[in-house]
C-alpha atoms as a PDB file:
ATOM      1  CA  UNK A   1     121.462 131.091 101.707  1.00  0.00           C
ATOM      2  CA  UNK A   2     118.810 131.995 104.282  1.00  0.00           C
ATOM      3  CA  UNK A   3     116.125 129.522 105.258  1.00  0.00           C
ATOM      4  CA  UNK A   4     112.819 130.205 106.978  1.00  0.00           C
ATOM      5  CA  UNK A   5     111.147 127.794 109.375  1.00  0.00           C
ATOM      6  CA  UNK A   6     108.211 127.843 111.749  1.00  0.00           C
ATOM      7  CA  UNK A   7     109.572 127.060 115.184  1.00  0.00           C
ATOM      8  CA  UNK A   8     106.916 125.719 117.535  1.00  0.00           C
ATOM      9  CA  UNK A   9     107.089 124.865 121.226  1.00  0.00           C
ATOM     10  CA  UNK A  10     107.880 121.194 120.529  1.00  0.00           C
ATOM     11  CA  UNK A  11     111.068 122.167 118.705  1.00  0.00           C
ATOM     12  CA  UNK A  12     112.112 124.594 121.451  1.00  0.00           C
ATOM     13  CA  UNK A  13     111.490 122.124 124.281  1.00  0.00           C
ATOM     14  CA  UNK A  14     113.091 119.200 122.416  1.00  0.00           C
ATOM     15  CA  UNK A  15     116.176 121.282 121.692  1.00  0.00           C
ATOM     16  CA  UNK A  16     116.524 122.080 125.400  1.00  0.00           C
ATOM     17  CA  UNK A  17     116.202 118.424 126.370  1.00  0.00           C
ATOM     18  CA  UNK A  18     118.715 117.111 123.830  1.00  0.00           C
ATOM     19  CA  UNK A  19     121.047 119.515 122.029  1.00  0.00           C
ATOM     20  CA  UNK A  20     122.312 116.889 119.587  1.00  0.00           C
ATOM     21  CA  UNK A  21     118.791 116.142 118.277  1.00  0.00           C
ATOM     22  CA  UNK A  22     117.427 117.477 115.002  1.00  0.00           C
ATOM     23  CA  UNK A  23     115.410 120.154 116.867  1.00  0.00           C
ATOM     24  CA  UNK A  24     118.633 121.083 118.687  1.00  0.00           C
ATOM     25  CA  UNK A  25     120.415 121.483 115.363  1.00  0.00           C
ATOM     26  CA  UNK A  26     117.542 123.616 114.048  1.00  0.00           C
ATOM     27  CA  UNK A  27     117.801 125.908 117.070  1.00  0.00           C
ATOM     28  CA  UNK A  28     121.597 126.139 116.653  1.00  0.00           C
ATOM     29  CA  UNK A  29     121.084 127.217 113.042  1.00  0.00           C
ATOM     30  CA  UNK A  30     118.462 129.742 114.136  1.00  0.00           C
ATOM     31  CA  UNK A  31     120.860 131.227 116.705  1.00  0.00           C
ATOM     32  CA  UNK A  32     123.585 131.360 114.041  1.00  0.00           C
ATOM     33  CA  UNK A  33     121.241 133.217 111.679  1.00  0.00           C
ATOM     34  CA  UNK A  34     121.133 130.533 108.989  1.00  0.00           C
ATOM     35  CA  UNK A  35     117.468 129.858 109.733  1.00  0.00           C
ATOM     36  CA  UNK A  36     115.100 132.755 110.297  1.00  0.00           C
ATOM     37  CA  UNK A  37     112.456 131.552 112.733  1.00  0.00           C
ATOM     38  CA  UNK A  38     108.861 132.344 111.906  1.00  0.00           C
ATOM     39  CA  UNK A  39     107.045 131.997 115.171  1.00  0.00           C
ATOM     40  CA  UNK A  40     103.460 132.263 116.181  1.00  0.00           C
ATOM     41  CA  UNK A  41     102.648 134.773 118.894  1.00  0.00           C
ATOM     42  CA  UNK A  42     100.872 132.090 120.852  1.00  0.00           C
ATOM     43  CA  UNK A  43     104.198 130.369 121.391  1.00  0.00           C
ATOM     44  CA  UNK A  44     105.376 133.266 123.544  1.00  0.00           C
ATOM     45  CA  UNK A  45     102.406 132.829 125.837  1.00  0.00           C
ATOM     46  CA  UNK A  46     102.869 129.057 126.048  1.00  0.00           C
ATOM     47  CA  UNK A  47     106.526 129.411 127.009  1.00  0.00           C
ATOM     48  CA  UNK A  48     105.759 132.044 129.625  1.00  0.00           C
ATOM     49  CA  UNK A  49     103.095 129.842 131.232  1.00  0.00           C
ATOM     50  CA  UNK A  50     105.517 126.950 131.860  1.00  0.00           C
END
């Protein structure tokens, strides 16, 4: 089964800070292809600014 989720900057940053957290698990599932991330274009700009 494929799931879809909006991945915002909080999830991305939290997953980088603590892999074993729920956001870290979400990102692992996204990398594995189980979750298809639906991201806002603004997120790209926010990540590039930091």
